[in-house]
Amino acid sequence: MTRFEELFLPHLNAAYNLARWLTDNDSAAQDVVQESAYRAVKFLHRFDGGNPKAWFLTIVRNESYNWLKASSRHGTVVFDEAGLEDEPALSDGRTPEWQLIQGQEVERLQQALLALAPAFREVIVLKELEDMAYKDIARIVDIPLGTVMSRLARARAMLRLQLQKSCSS
């Protein structure tokens, strides 16, 4: 097994999750992760031996922002095939009504999260979805530890407000 596979392969799902939340596009997230993996291999000699997940997610974050800049500059439209896939059969025994309610709640949360500015969205994703330590988030986002904590508190409050707005409308 190569050094890259040992260090970074276990973190591909986290990389995709971060890229997906930042770009809000499945195919872009896949491209970002692929480019990030390429860069991680290319610059592996620069890895300091610290936290490989934090190092790799830093690359993913930077590539996500590069993609966002490029797509806004060029007016890029990316075709997302995720909605074209067949729905899996109801194999878990849950009723269609239950699944509809759950789907609506997930959709509501996703929309509220996407309503946040990327700087707030990324700290929520890294902390709540990827369970990263504050110091690793600070390293990935390149901000002081105290800023991570305050930004996360503000992001949670903003998310709560977005969810309350969606309930009242």
N, C-alpha and C. Protein backbone atom coordinates (compact mmCIF):
# COMPACT_ATOMS: atom_id res chain seq x y z
N MET A 1 0.85 -1.18 0.00
CA MET A 1 0.00 0.00 0.00
C MET A 1 0.89 1.24 0.00
N THR A 2 0.53 2.20 -0.84
CA THR A 2 1.34 3.41 -0.93
C THR A 2 1.08 4.30 0.27
N ARG A 3 1.97 5.23 0.46
CA ARG A 3 1.82 6.16 1.57
C ARG A 3 0.54 6.99 1.43
N PHE A 4 0.22 7.40 0.19
CA PHE A 4 -1.01 8.16 -0.03
C PHE A 4 -2.23 7.34 0.40
N GLU A 5 -2.29 6.09 -0.02
CA GLU A 5 -3.43 5.24 0.33
C GLU A 5 -3.56 5.08 1.84
N GLU A 6 -2.44 4.90 2.52
CA GLU A 6 -2.46 4.76 3.97
C GLU A 6 -2.99 6.02 4.66
N LEU A 7 -2.49 7.16 4.21
CA LEU A 7 -2.80 8.41 4.89
C LEU A 7 -4.15 9.01 4.52
N PHE A 8 -4.50 8.96 3.24
CA PHE A 8 -5.62 9.77 2.78
C PHE A 8 -6.84 9.00 2.29
N LEU A 9 -6.68 7.76 1.87
CA LEU A 9 -7.83 6.99 1.42
C LEU A 9 -8.94 6.89 2.45
N PRO A 10 -8.60 6.73 3.74
CA PRO A 10 -9.68 6.67 4.73
C PRO A 10 -10.49 7.97 4.84
N HIS A 11 -10.02 9.05 4.25
CA HIS A 11 -10.68 10.34 4.41
C HIS A 11 -11.38 10.82 3.14
N LEU A 12 -11.54 9.93 2.16
CA LEU A 12 -12.18 10.34 0.91
C LEU A 12 -13.65 10.71 1.12
N ASN A 13 -14.35 9.99 1.99
CA ASN A 13 -15.75 10.33 2.24
C ASN A 13 -15.87 11.71 2.89
N ALA A 14 -15.00 12.00 3.84
CA ALA A 14 -15.01 13.32 4.48
C ALA A 14 -14.68 14.39 3.44
N ALA A 15 -13.74 14.09 2.55
CA ALA A 15 -13.37 15.04 1.50
C ALA A 15 -14.56 15.33 0.59
N TYR A 16 -15.24 14.27 0.19
CA TYR A 16 -16.41 14.45 -0.67
C TYR A 16 -17.50 15.24 0.06
N ASN A 17 -17.77 14.92 1.31
CA ASN A 17 -18.80 15.63 2.07
C ASN A 17 -18.50 17.13 2.13
N LEU A 18 -17.25 17.47 2.44
CA LEU A 18 -16.89 18.89 2.52
C LEU A 18 -17.05 19.55 1.15
N ALA A 19 -16.53 18.92 0.12
CA ALA A 19 -16.63 19.49 -1.23
C ALA A 19 -18.09 19.62 -1.67
N ARG A 20 -18.90 18.64 -1.34
CA ARG A 20 -20.32 18.66 -1.73
C ARG A 20 -21.04 19.81 -1.04
N TRP A 21 -20.77 20.02 0.23
CA TRP A 21 -21.43 21.11 0.95
C TRP A 21 -20.95 22.47 0.49
N LEU A 22 -19.67 22.58 0.14
CA LEU A 22 -19.15 23.88 -0.28
C LEU A 22 -19.56 24.23 -1.71
N THR A 23 -19.57 23.25 -2.61
CA THR A 23 -19.90 23.53 -4.01
C THR A 23 -21.39 23.42 -4.28
N ASP A 24 -22.11 22.69 -3.43
CA ASP A 24 -23.54 22.42 -3.63
C ASP A 24 -23.79 21.73 -4.97
N ASN A 25 -22.87 20.85 -5.35
CA ASN A 25 -22.99 20.16 -6.63
C ASN A 25 -22.25 18.83 -6.56
N ASP A 26 -22.95 17.76 -6.88
CA ASP A 26 -22.36 16.42 -6.78
C ASP A 26 -21.19 16.22 -7.73
N SER A 27 -21.39 16.54 -9.00
CA SER A 27 -20.31 16.30 -9.95
C SER A 27 -19.11 17.21 -9.70
N ALA A 28 -19.38 18.44 -9.27
CA ALA A 28 -18.27 19.35 -8.92
C ALA A 28 -17.51 18.80 -7.73
N ALA A 29 -18.24 18.27 -6.73
CA ALA A 29 -17.59 17.70 -5.55
C ALA A 29 -16.68 16.53 -5.95
N GLN A 30 -17.15 15.70 -6.86
CA GLN A 30 -16.33 14.58 -7.33
C GLN A 30 -15.07 15.10 -8.01
N ASP A 31 -15.22 16.12 -8.85
CA ASP A 31 -14.06 16.72 -9.53
C ASP A 31 -13.10 17.33 -8.53
N VAL A 32 -13.64 18.02 -7.54
CA VAL A 32 -12.81 18.66 -6.52
C VAL A 32 -12.02 17.61 -5.75
N VAL A 33 -12.66 16.52 -5.36
CA VAL A 33 -11.96 15.47 -4.61
C VAL A 33 -10.88 14.83 -5.49
N GLN A 34 -11.19 14.61 -6.75
CA GLN A 34 -10.19 14.03 -7.66
C GLN A 34 -8.98 14.96 -7.80
N GLU A 35 -9.24 16.24 -8.01
CA GLU A 35 -8.14 17.20 -8.12
C GLU A 35 -7.36 17.30 -6.81
N SER A 36 -8.07 17.24 -5.70
CA SER A 36 -7.43 17.31 -4.39
C SER A 36 -6.54 16.09 -4.15
N ALA A 37 -7.02 14.93 -4.54
CA ALA A 37 -6.22 13.70 -4.39
C ALA A 37 -4.95 13.81 -5.25
N TYR A 38 -5.11 14.32 -6.46
CA TYR A 38 -3.95 14.53 -7.33
C TYR A 38 -2.94 15.46 -6.66
N ARG A 39 -3.43 16.56 -6.11
CA ARG A 39 -2.54 17.52 -5.45
C ARG A 39 -1.90 16.91 -4.20
N ALA A 40 -2.66 16.11 -3.46
CA ALA A 40 -2.10 15.47 -2.27
C ALA A 40 -0.96 14.53 -2.66
N VAL A 41 -1.12 13.79 -3.74
CA VAL A 41 -0.05 12.91 -4.21
C VAL A 41 1.14 13.74 -4.67
N LYS A 42 0.86 14.77 -5.45
CA LYS A 42 1.92 15.61 -6.01
C LYS A 42 2.73 16.30 -4.92
N PHE A 43 2.06 16.74 -3.85
CA PHE A 43 2.74 17.49 -2.80
C PHE A 43 2.89 16.69 -1.51
N LEU A 44 2.87 15.38 -1.61
CA LEU A 44 2.99 14.53 -0.44
C LEU A 44 4.28 14.80 0.33
N HIS A 45 5.32 15.19 -0.38
CA HIS A 45 6.60 15.49 0.28
C HIS A 45 6.48 16.70 1.23
N ARG A 46 5.42 17.50 1.08
CA ARG A 46 5.22 18.66 1.96
C ARG A 46 4.43 18.31 3.22
N PHE A 47 3.84 17.10 3.25
CA PHE A 47 3.06 16.70 4.42
C PHE A 47 4.00 16.57 5.60
N ASP A 48 3.67 17.26 6.70
CA ASP A 48 4.56 17.34 7.85
C ASP A 48 4.42 16.19 8.84
N GLY A 49 3.57 15.21 8.53
CA GLY A 49 3.40 14.08 9.44
C GLY A 49 2.38 14.32 10.51
N GLY A 50 1.69 15.45 10.47
CA GLY A 50 0.66 15.76 11.47
C GLY A 50 -0.62 14.97 11.18
N ASN A 51 -1.73 15.66 11.22
CA ASN A 51 -3.03 15.04 11.01
C ASN A 51 -3.32 14.94 9.51
N PRO A 52 -3.33 13.74 8.94
CA PRO A 52 -3.53 13.61 7.50
C PRO A 52 -4.93 14.06 7.05
N LYS A 53 -5.94 13.85 7.88
CA LYS A 53 -7.29 14.27 7.52
C LYS A 53 -7.36 15.79 7.40
N ALA A 54 -6.79 16.48 8.37
CA ALA A 54 -6.80 17.94 8.34
C ALA A 54 -6.02 18.46 7.13
N TRP A 55 -4.88 17.84 6.83
CA TRP A 55 -4.06 18.28 5.70
C TRP A 55 -4.82 18.08 4.39
N PHE A 56 -5.44 16.92 4.24
CA PHE A 56 -6.18 16.62 3.02
C PHE A 56 -7.42 17.51 2.89
N LEU A 57 -8.15 17.72 3.97
CA LEU A 57 -9.34 18.56 3.90
C LEU A 57 -8.99 20.02 3.65
N THR A 58 -7.80 20.44 4.01
CA THR A 58 -7.34 21.79 3.67
C THR A 58 -7.23 21.92 2.15
N ILE A 59 -6.67 20.90 1.52
CA ILE A 59 -6.55 20.89 0.05
C ILE A 59 -7.95 20.89 -0.57
N VAL A 60 -8.85 20.06 -0.04
CA VAL A 60 -10.21 19.98 -0.56
C VAL A 60 -10.92 21.33 -0.43
N ARG A 61 -10.77 21.96 0.70
CA ARG A 61 -11.39 23.27 0.92
C ARG A 61 -10.88 24.27 -0.11
N ASN A 62 -9.57 24.33 -0.28
CA ASN A 62 -8.99 25.27 -1.23
C ASN A 62 -9.48 24.99 -2.66
N GLU A 63 -9.51 23.72 -3.04
CA GLU A 63 -9.98 23.35 -4.38
C GLU A 63 -11.46 23.68 -4.56
N SER A 64 -12.25 23.51 -3.50
CA SER A 64 -13.67 23.85 -3.57
C SER A 64 -13.85 25.33 -3.85
N TYR A 65 -13.09 26.16 -3.14
CA TYR A 65 -13.18 27.59 -3.37
C TYR A 65 -12.65 27.98 -4.75
N ASN A 66 -11.62 27.28 -5.22
CA ASN A 66 -11.14 27.51 -6.59
C ASN A 66 -12.23 27.20 -7.60
N TRP A 67 -12.95 26.09 -7.39
CA TRP A 67 -14.04 25.72 -8.29
C TRP A 67 -15.15 26.77 -8.25
N LEU A 68 -15.49 27.23 -7.05
CA LEU A 68 -16.55 28.24 -6.93
C LEU A 68 -16.16 29.53 -7.66
N LYS A 69 -14.91 29.95 -7.51
CA LYS A 69 -14.45 31.15 -8.20
C LYS A 69 -14.50 30.97 -9.71
N ALA A 70 -14.00 29.85 -10.19
CA ALA A 70 -13.97 29.58 -11.63
C ALA A 70 -15.38 29.47 -12.20
N SER A 71 -16.28 28.83 -11.50
CA SER A 71 -17.63 28.65 -12.03
C SER A 71 -18.39 29.97 -12.04
N SER A 72 -18.15 30.83 -11.07
CA SER A 72 -18.84 32.13 -11.08
C SER A 72 -18.25 33.05 -12.14
N ARG A 73 -16.97 32.93 -12.39
CA ARG A 73 -16.30 33.76 -13.38
C ARG A 73 -16.71 33.37 -14.80
N HIS A 74 -16.90 32.06 -15.03
CA HIS A 74 -17.21 31.57 -16.37
C HIS A 74 -18.68 31.24 -16.55
N GLY A 75 -19.47 31.43 -15.51
CA GLY A 75 -20.89 31.10 -15.62
C GLY A 75 -21.12 29.63 -15.90
N THR A 76 -20.28 28.79 -15.35
CA THR A 76 -20.34 27.36 -15.60
C THR A 76 -21.63 26.75 -15.08
N VAL A 77 -22.23 25.92 -15.90
CA VAL A 77 -23.40 25.15 -15.48
C VAL A 77 -22.97 23.70 -15.48
N VAL A 78 -23.14 23.06 -14.34
CA VAL A 78 -22.74 21.65 -14.22
C VAL A 78 -23.98 20.81 -14.10
N PHE A 79 -24.06 19.77 -14.92
CA PHE A 79 -25.20 18.86 -14.91
C PHE A 79 -25.03 17.87 -13.77
N ASP A 80 -26.01 17.84 -12.88
CA ASP A 80 -25.98 16.95 -11.72
C ASP A 80 -26.92 15.78 -11.97
N GLU A 81 -26.35 14.59 -12.12
CA GLU A 81 -27.14 13.41 -12.44
C GLU A 81 -27.76 12.75 -11.22
N ALA A 82 -27.53 13.27 -10.03
CA ALA A 82 -28.00 12.61 -8.81
C ALA A 82 -29.51 12.41 -8.82
N GLY A 83 -30.27 13.34 -9.35
CA GLY A 83 -31.71 13.23 -9.36
C GLY A 83 -32.24 12.23 -10.35
N LEU A 84 -31.40 11.71 -11.23
CA LEU A 84 -31.84 10.78 -12.25
C LEU A 84 -31.78 9.32 -11.82
N GLU A 85 -31.17 9.06 -10.71
CA GLU A 85 -31.02 7.68 -10.25
C GLU A 85 -32.36 7.14 -9.76
N ASP A 86 -32.57 5.83 -9.95
CA ASP A 86 -33.80 5.21 -9.47
C ASP A 86 -33.82 5.21 -7.96
N GLU A 87 -35.01 5.39 -7.40
CA GLU A 87 -35.16 5.33 -5.95
C GLU A 87 -35.04 3.89 -5.50
N PRO A 88 -34.34 3.62 -4.39
CA PRO A 88 -34.25 2.25 -3.89
C PRO A 88 -35.61 1.78 -3.40
N ALA A 89 -35.82 0.48 -3.47
CA ALA A 89 -37.09 -0.09 -3.02
C ALA A 89 -37.24 0.10 -1.52
N LEU A 90 -38.49 0.10 -1.06
CA LEU A 90 -38.75 0.24 0.37
C LEU A 90 -38.44 -1.09 1.05
N SER A 91 -37.21 -1.26 1.43
CA SER A 91 -36.80 -2.54 2.01
C SER A 91 -36.71 -2.50 3.53
N ASP A 92 -36.83 -1.33 4.11
CA ASP A 92 -36.68 -1.23 5.57
C ASP A 92 -38.01 -1.29 6.31
N GLY A 93 -39.13 -1.44 5.60
CA GLY A 93 -40.42 -1.60 6.24
C GLY A 93 -41.05 -0.30 6.71
N ARG A 94 -40.42 0.83 6.45
CA ARG A 94 -40.98 2.11 6.87
C ARG A 94 -42.06 2.52 5.86
N THR A 95 -43.06 3.18 6.35
CA THR A 95 -44.16 3.57 5.47
C THR A 95 -43.74 4.70 4.55
N PRO A 96 -44.41 4.84 3.43
CA PRO A 96 -44.11 5.96 2.53
C PRO A 96 -44.34 7.31 3.21
N GLU A 97 -45.32 7.39 4.09
CA GLU A 97 -45.59 8.64 4.80
C GLU A 97 -44.42 9.02 5.70
N TRP A 98 -43.90 8.01 6.41
CA TRP A 98 -42.75 8.26 7.29
C TRP A 98 -41.56 8.73 6.46
N GLN A 99 -41.33 8.07 5.34
CA GLN A 99 -40.20 8.46 4.49
C GLN A 99 -40.38 9.87 3.92
N LEU A 100 -41.61 10.22 3.60
CA LEU A 100 -41.88 11.55 3.08
C LEU A 100 -41.57 12.61 4.14
N ILE A 101 -42.01 12.38 5.35
CA ILE A 101 -41.74 13.32 6.44
C ILE A 101 -40.24 13.44 6.69
N GLN A 102 -39.55 12.31 6.75
CA GLN A 102 -38.10 12.33 6.96
C GLN A 102 -37.41 13.07 5.83
N GLY A 103 -37.82 12.81 4.61
CA GLY A 103 -37.24 13.48 3.46
C GLY A 103 -37.44 14.98 3.50
N GLN A 104 -38.63 15.42 3.96
CA GLN A 104 -38.91 16.84 4.06
C GLN A 104 -38.03 17.48 5.13
N GLU A 105 -37.81 16.79 6.25
CA GLU A 105 -36.95 17.32 7.31
C GLU A 105 -35.50 17.43 6.83
N VAL A 106 -35.03 16.42 6.13
CA VAL A 106 -33.66 16.45 5.61
C VAL A 106 -33.52 17.58 4.60
N GLU A 107 -34.50 17.72 3.73
CA GLU A 107 -34.48 18.80 2.73
C GLU A 107 -34.49 20.17 3.40
N ARG A 108 -35.28 20.32 4.45
CA ARG A 108 -35.35 21.58 5.19
C ARG A 108 -34.00 21.92 5.81
N LEU A 109 -33.36 20.92 6.41
CA LEU A 109 -32.05 21.13 7.01
C LEU A 109 -31.00 21.46 5.95
N GLN A 110 -31.03 20.74 4.84
CA GLN A 110 -30.08 21.01 3.77
C GLN A 110 -30.23 22.43 3.23
N GLN A 111 -31.47 22.85 3.01
CA GLN A 111 -31.71 24.20 2.50
C GLN A 111 -31.25 25.26 3.51
N ALA A 112 -31.50 25.01 4.78
CA ALA A 112 -31.06 25.96 5.81
C ALA A 112 -29.54 26.04 5.85
N LEU A 113 -28.89 24.91 5.73
CA LEU A 113 -27.42 24.89 5.74
C LEU A 113 -26.86 25.58 4.50
N LEU A 114 -27.48 25.34 3.36
CA LEU A 114 -27.01 25.98 2.13
C LEU A 114 -27.27 27.49 2.12
N ALA A 115 -28.21 27.96 2.95
CA ALA A 115 -28.48 29.39 3.03
C ALA A 115 -27.36 30.14 3.76
N LEU A 116 -26.54 29.41 4.52
CA LEU A 116 -25.43 30.04 5.24
C LEU A 116 -24.31 30.37 4.27
N ALA A 117 -23.58 31.41 4.58
CA ALA A 117 -22.39 31.75 3.79
C ALA A 117 -21.39 30.60 3.92
N PRO A 118 -20.59 30.36 2.88
CA PRO A 118 -19.63 29.23 2.92
C PRO A 118 -18.72 29.23 4.15
N ALA A 119 -18.32 30.39 4.63
CA ALA A 119 -17.43 30.44 5.80
C ALA A 119 -18.10 29.85 7.03
N PHE A 120 -19.41 30.02 7.15
CA PHE A 120 -20.14 29.45 8.28
C PHE A 120 -20.51 27.99 8.01
N ARG A 121 -20.86 27.71 6.76
CA ARG A 121 -21.23 26.34 6.39
C ARG A 121 -20.06 25.38 6.59
N GLU A 122 -18.86 25.81 6.23
CA GLU A 122 -17.72 24.90 6.33
C GLU A 122 -17.40 24.52 7.77
N VAL A 123 -17.52 25.45 8.72
CA VAL A 123 -17.22 25.09 10.10
C VAL A 123 -18.27 24.14 10.67
N ILE A 124 -19.53 24.33 10.27
CA ILE A 124 -20.59 23.41 10.71
C ILE A 124 -20.33 22.02 10.15
N VAL A 125 -20.03 21.94 8.87
CA VAL A 125 -19.77 20.64 8.23
C VAL A 125 -18.58 19.95 8.87
N LEU A 126 -17.50 20.69 9.07
CA LEU A 126 -16.30 20.08 9.65
C LEU A 126 -16.51 19.63 11.08
N LYS A 127 -17.25 20.40 11.87
CA LYS A 127 -17.45 20.04 13.28
C LYS A 127 -18.58 19.02 13.45
N GLU A 128 -19.73 19.31 12.90
CA GLU A 128 -20.91 18.48 13.17
C GLU A 128 -20.99 17.23 12.30
N LEU A 129 -20.58 17.33 11.05
CA LEU A 129 -20.68 16.17 10.17
C LEU A 129 -19.40 15.34 10.14
N GLU A 130 -18.26 16.01 10.22
CA GLU A 130 -16.98 15.30 10.16
C GLU A 130 -16.34 15.12 11.53
N ASP A 131 -16.91 15.70 12.56
CA ASP A 131 -16.45 15.54 13.93
C ASP A 131 -14.97 15.90 14.11
N MET A 132 -14.56 16.97 13.45
CA MET A 132 -13.17 17.42 13.53
C MET A 132 -12.97 18.20 14.83
N ALA A 133 -11.77 18.13 15.34
CA ALA A 133 -11.40 18.91 16.52
C ALA A 133 -11.26 20.39 16.13
N TYR A 134 -11.51 21.26 17.09
CA TYR A 134 -11.41 22.70 16.82
C TYR A 134 -10.04 23.08 16.25
N LYS A 135 -8.98 22.51 16.80
CA LYS A 135 -7.64 22.87 16.30
C LYS A 135 -7.44 22.43 14.86
N ASP A 136 -8.05 21.30 14.47
CA ASP A 136 -7.94 20.84 13.09
C ASP A 136 -8.76 21.73 12.15
N ILE A 137 -9.92 22.15 12.61
CA ILE A 137 -10.73 23.07 11.82
C ILE A 137 -9.97 24.37 11.62
N ALA A 138 -9.33 24.87 12.67
CA ALA A 138 -8.53 26.10 12.57
C ALA A 138 -7.44 25.94 11.52
N ARG A 139 -6.83 24.77 11.49
CA ARG A 139 -5.76 24.52 10.52
C ARG A 139 -6.33 24.45 9.10
N ILE A 140 -7.44 23.76 8.94
CA ILE A 140 -8.05 23.60 7.61
C ILE A 140 -8.50 24.94 7.05
N VAL A 141 -9.19 25.71 7.87
CA VAL A 141 -9.79 26.97 7.43
C VAL A 141 -8.78 28.12 7.50
N ASP A 142 -7.67 27.88 8.20
CA ASP A 142 -6.60 28.87 8.34
C ASP A 142 -7.08 30.12 9.08
N ILE A 143 -7.68 29.86 10.24
CA ILE A 143 -8.12 30.94 11.13
C ILE A 143 -7.71 30.57 12.55
N PRO A 144 -7.64 31.54 13.46
CA PRO A 144 -7.29 31.23 14.86
C PRO A 144 -8.36 30.36 15.52
N LEU A 145 -7.94 29.62 16.52
CA LEU A 145 -8.82 28.71 17.25
C LEU A 145 -10.03 29.44 17.82
N GLY A 146 -9.83 30.61 18.41
CA GLY A 146 -10.94 31.38 18.96
C GLY A 146 -11.95 31.77 17.89
N THR A 147 -11.47 32.06 16.70
CA THR A 147 -12.35 32.42 15.60
C THR A 147 -13.19 31.22 15.18
N VAL A 148 -12.60 30.02 15.22
CA VAL A 148 -13.36 28.80 14.91
C VAL A 148 -14.53 28.68 15.87
N MET A 149 -14.26 28.85 17.16
CA MET A 149 -15.32 28.69 18.16
C MET A 149 -16.40 29.75 17.99
N SER A 150 -16.01 31.00 17.77
CA SER A 150 -17.03 32.05 17.62
C SER A 150 -17.78 31.89 16.30
N ARG A 151 -17.08 31.51 15.24
CA ARG A 151 -17.75 31.31 13.95
C ARG A 151 -18.72 30.14 14.02
N LEU A 152 -18.33 29.10 14.73
CA LEU A 152 -19.21 27.94 14.89
C LEU A 152 -20.46 28.32 15.70
N ALA A 153 -20.28 29.11 16.75
CA ALA A 153 -21.43 29.56 17.54
C ALA A 153 -22.36 30.41 16.68
N ARG A 154 -21.80 31.31 15.90
CA ARG A 154 -22.62 32.15 15.01
C ARG A 154 -23.29 31.30 13.94
N ALA A 155 -22.58 30.32 13.41
CA ALA A 155 -23.16 29.46 12.37
C ALA A 155 -24.33 28.65 12.92
N ARG A 156 -24.18 28.15 14.14
CA ARG A 156 -25.28 27.40 14.76
C ARG A 156 -26.49 28.30 14.97
N ALA A 157 -26.25 29.52 15.43
CA ALA A 157 -27.36 30.46 15.64
C ALA A 157 -28.03 30.81 14.32
N MET A 158 -27.24 31.02 13.28
CA MET A 158 -27.79 31.34 11.97
C MET A 158 -28.57 30.15 11.41
N LEU A 159 -28.07 28.96 11.61
CA LEU A 159 -28.76 27.76 11.15
C LEU A 159 -30.10 27.61 11.88
N ARG A 160 -30.07 27.83 13.18
CA ARG A 160 -31.30 27.77 13.98
C ARG A 160 -32.32 28.78 13.44
N LEU A 161 -31.88 29.98 13.14
CA LEU A 161 -32.76 31.03 12.61
C LEU A 161 -33.34 30.61 11.25
N GLN A 162 -32.49 30.06 10.40
CA GLN A 162 -32.96 29.59 9.10
C GLN A 162 -34.03 28.51 9.25
N LEU A 163 -33.81 27.60 10.19
CA LEU A 163 -34.77 26.52 10.41
C LEU A 163 -36.08 27.07 10.96
N GLN A 164 -35.99 28.06 11.84
CA GLN A 164 -37.21 28.68 12.37
C GLN A 164 -37.98 29.40 11.27
N LYS A 165 -37.25 30.07 10.37
CA LYS A 165 -37.91 30.75 9.25
C LYS A 165 -38.63 29.76 8.36
N SER A 166 -38.01 28.61 8.12
CA SER A 166 -38.62 27.63 7.23
C SER A 166 -39.85 26.98 7.87
N CYS A 167 -39.89 26.93 9.19
CA CYS A 167 -41.07 26.39 9.89
C CYS A 167 -42.25 27.36 9.81
N SER A 168 -41.95 28.65 9.86
CA SER A 168 -43.02 29.64 9.91
C SER A 168 -43.57 29.96 8.52
N SER A 169 -42.84 29.57 7.49
CA SER A 169 -43.33 29.90 6.14
C SER A 169 -44.04 28.76 5.48
